[in-house]
């Protein structure tokens, strides 16, 4: 074609920034999708754990709950997100309930901290299903953190 375009340094820099921004947004979208996939998997596992407990399969329920907490420790999961925090809370509750019965270790300090944060964050949000459990677990989690 024989036509040459003289691009200024400012134009090139602006183009690179625009591309980088688009790439960054695509990466954020991928991370968001991956985190949502983890949370969908967690919801499924939560149901599995509850069924296992109902059937008396405590060892298997403990194992699944621990593996689920491991998945929730992934860097793809925003542990400050309320949905993630709630998932961590329920899994910590399962692990902490089952561990003493099985002579196993409970949840790790980081997971207990998130579970405690979640309970404190929903304290005044009209969640009757958690209200009674909250009264028991906040002091329990605080004590566990002292031991960890």
Protein backbone atom coordinates (compact mmCIF):
# COMPACT_ATOMS: atom_id res chain seq x y z
CA UNK A 1 0.00 0.00 0.00
CA UNK A 2 2.93 2.27 0.47
CA UNK A 3 1.26 4.40 3.13
CA UNK A 4 3.19 4.83 6.34
CA UNK A 5 1.73 6.15 9.49
CA UNK A 6 3.84 8.11 11.84
CA UNK A 7 2.62 7.32 15.33
CA UNK A 8 3.61 9.51 18.15
CA UNK A 9 4.91 8.06 21.39
CA UNK A 10 1.74 9.34 23.10
CA UNK A 11 -0.49 7.48 20.61
CA UNK A 12 1.44 4.23 21.10
CA UNK A 13 1.33 4.61 24.87
CA UNK A 14 -2.42 5.29 24.75
CA UNK A 15 -2.96 2.20 22.55
CA UNK A 16 -0.93 0.02 24.90
CA UNK A 17 -2.86 1.30 27.92
CA UNK A 18 -6.16 0.63 26.15
CA UNK A 19 -5.06 -2.93 25.32
CA UNK A 20 -3.75 -3.51 28.84
CA UNK A 21 -7.02 -2.25 30.31
CA UNK A 22 -8.97 -4.63 28.07
CA UNK A 23 -6.65 -7.49 29.00
CA UNK A 24 -6.99 -6.63 32.68
CA UNK A 25 -10.78 -6.62 32.42
CA UNK A 26 -10.69 -10.01 30.67
CA UNK A 27 -8.45 -11.39 33.42
CA UNK A 28 -10.79 -10.02 36.09
CA UNK A 29 -13.73 -11.64 34.32
CA UNK A 30 -11.90 -14.98 34.20
CA UNK A 31 -11.06 -14.70 37.90
CA UNK A 32 -14.69 -13.82 38.68
CA UNK A 33 -15.99 -16.79 36.68
CA UNK A 34 -13.49 -19.11 38.36
CA UNK A 35 -14.53 -17.83 41.81
CA UNK A 36 -18.21 -18.33 40.96
CA UNK A 37 -17.45 -21.88 39.81
CA UNK A 38 -15.77 -22.54 43.16
CA UNK A 39 -18.79 -21.16 45.04
CA UNK A 40 -21.22 -23.27 42.99
CA UNK A 41 -19.11 -26.32 43.79
CA UNK A 42 -19.09 -25.31 47.47
CA UNK A 43 -22.89 -25.07 47.54
CA UNK A 44 -23.10 -28.58 46.08
CA UNK A 45 -20.56 -29.90 48.61
CA UNK A 46 -22.44 -28.23 51.46
CA UNK A 47 -25.51 -30.24 50.51
CA UNK A 48 -23.38 -33.39 50.33
CA UNK A 49 -21.91 -32.77 53.78
CA UNK A 50 -25.36 -32.22 55.30
CA UNK A 51 -26.63 -35.48 53.78
CA UNK A 52 -23.55 -37.37 54.99
CA UNK A 53 -24.06 -36.05 58.52
CA UNK A 54 -27.75 -37.03 58.43
CA UNK A 55 -26.71 -40.56 57.40
CA UNK A 56 -24.04 -40.73 60.10
CA UNK A 57 -21.12 -40.68 57.64
CA UNK A 58 -19.12 -38.29 59.85
CA UNK A 59 -15.66 -39.23 58.59
CA UNK A 60 -16.62 -38.65 54.97
CA UNK A 61 -18.45 -35.41 55.84
CA UNK A 62 -15.37 -34.16 57.70
CA UNK A 63 -13.12 -34.98 54.73
CA UNK A 64 -15.39 -33.22 52.23
CA UNK A 65 -15.74 -30.16 54.49
CA UNK A 66 -11.94 -29.91 54.90
CA UNK A 67 -11.38 -30.23 51.14
CA UNK A 68 -14.01 -27.58 50.56
CA UNK A 69 -12.25 -25.20 52.94
CA UNK A 70 -9.11 -25.88 50.91
CA UNK A 71 -10.92 -24.90 47.71
CA UNK A 72 -12.14 -21.73 49.43
CA UNK A 73 -8.52 -20.86 50.24
CA UNK A 74 -7.81 -20.51 46.52
CA UNK A 75 -6.48 -17.15 45.41
CA UNK A 76 -9.41 -17.00 42.98
CA UNK A 77 -11.86 -16.66 45.88
CA UNK A 78 -12.43 -13.24 47.42
CA UNK A 79 -12.63 -14.24 51.08
CA UNK A 80 -14.04 -10.81 51.98
CA UNK A 81 -17.10 -11.34 49.76
CA UNK A 82 -20.22 -12.11 51.82
CA UNK A 83 -21.04 -15.23 49.79
CA UNK A 84 -17.53 -16.61 50.24
CA UNK A 85 -17.55 -15.72 53.92
CA UNK A 86 -20.86 -17.51 54.41
CA UNK A 87 -19.53 -20.61 52.66
CA UNK A 88 -16.41 -20.58 54.80
CA UNK A 89 -18.54 -20.11 57.92
CA UNK A 90 -20.69 -23.16 57.19
CA UNK A 91 -17.70 -25.35 56.36
CA UNK A 92 -15.85 -24.21 59.49
CA UNK A 93 -18.98 -24.97 61.51
CA UNK A 94 -19.11 -28.49 60.01
CA UNK A 95 -15.39 -29.12 60.61
CA UNK A 96 -15.45 -27.75 64.14
CA UNK A 97 -18.53 -29.84 64.99
CA UNK A 98 -17.14 -33.06 63.51
CA UNK A 99 -13.46 -32.81 64.49
CA UNK A 100 -13.85 -33.51 68.24
CA UNK A 101 -16.16 -36.47 67.53
CA UNK A 102 -13.54 -37.97 65.24
CA UNK A 103 -10.44 -37.01 67.22
CA UNK A 104 -9.25 -34.79 64.36
CA UNK A 105 -7.98 -31.25 63.99
CA UNK A 106 -10.49 -28.43 63.58
CA UNK A 107 -10.37 -25.62 61.06
CA UNK A 108 -7.29 -23.43 60.63
CA UNK A 109 -6.98 -20.02 62.24
CA UNK A 110 -7.53 -18.10 58.98
CA UNK A 111 -10.79 -19.93 58.27
CA UNK A 112 -12.02 -19.42 61.84
CA UNK A 113 -11.23 -15.70 61.55
CA UNK A 114 -13.32 -15.41 58.38
CA UNK A 115 -16.18 -17.39 59.96
CA UNK A 116 -16.10 -15.12 63.01
CA UNK A 117 -16.03 -12.00 60.81
CA UNK A 118 -19.03 -13.32 58.90
CA UNK A 119 -21.02 -13.96 62.09
CA UNK A 120 -20.25 -10.51 63.41
CA UNK A 121 -21.13 -8.90 60.06
CA UNK A 122 -24.59 -10.51 59.94
CA UNK A 123 -25.33 -9.99 63.62
CA UNK A 124 -27.83 -7.18 63.02
CA UNK A 125 -29.16 -8.24 59.62
CA UNK A 126 -32.28 -10.16 60.59
CA UNK A 127 -31.04 -13.68 59.95
CA UNK A 128 -33.17 -15.76 62.33
CA UNK A 129 -31.66 -19.01 61.06
CA UNK A 130 -28.26 -17.90 62.37
CA UNK A 131 -29.35 -16.02 65.48
CA UNK A 132 -29.24 -18.94 67.93
CA UNK A 133 -26.13 -20.48 66.38
CA UNK A 134 -24.44 -17.09 66.44
CA UNK A 135 -24.83 -16.86 70.22
CA UNK A 136 -23.01 -20.17 70.61
CA UNK A 137 -20.37 -19.79 67.94
CA UNK A 138 -19.03 -16.28 68.45
CA UNK A 139 -17.62 -17.09 71.91
CA UNK A 140 -16.53 -20.54 70.71
CA UNK A 141 -14.63 -19.14 67.71
CA UNK A 142 -13.05 -16.43 69.85
CA UNK A 143 -11.83 -19.09 72.28
CA UNK A 144 -10.52 -21.27 69.42
CA UNK A 145 -8.54 -18.31 68.08
CA UNK A 146 -6.83 -17.96 71.46
CA UNK A 147 -5.81 -21.63 71.27
CA UNK A 148 -4.58 -21.51 67.67
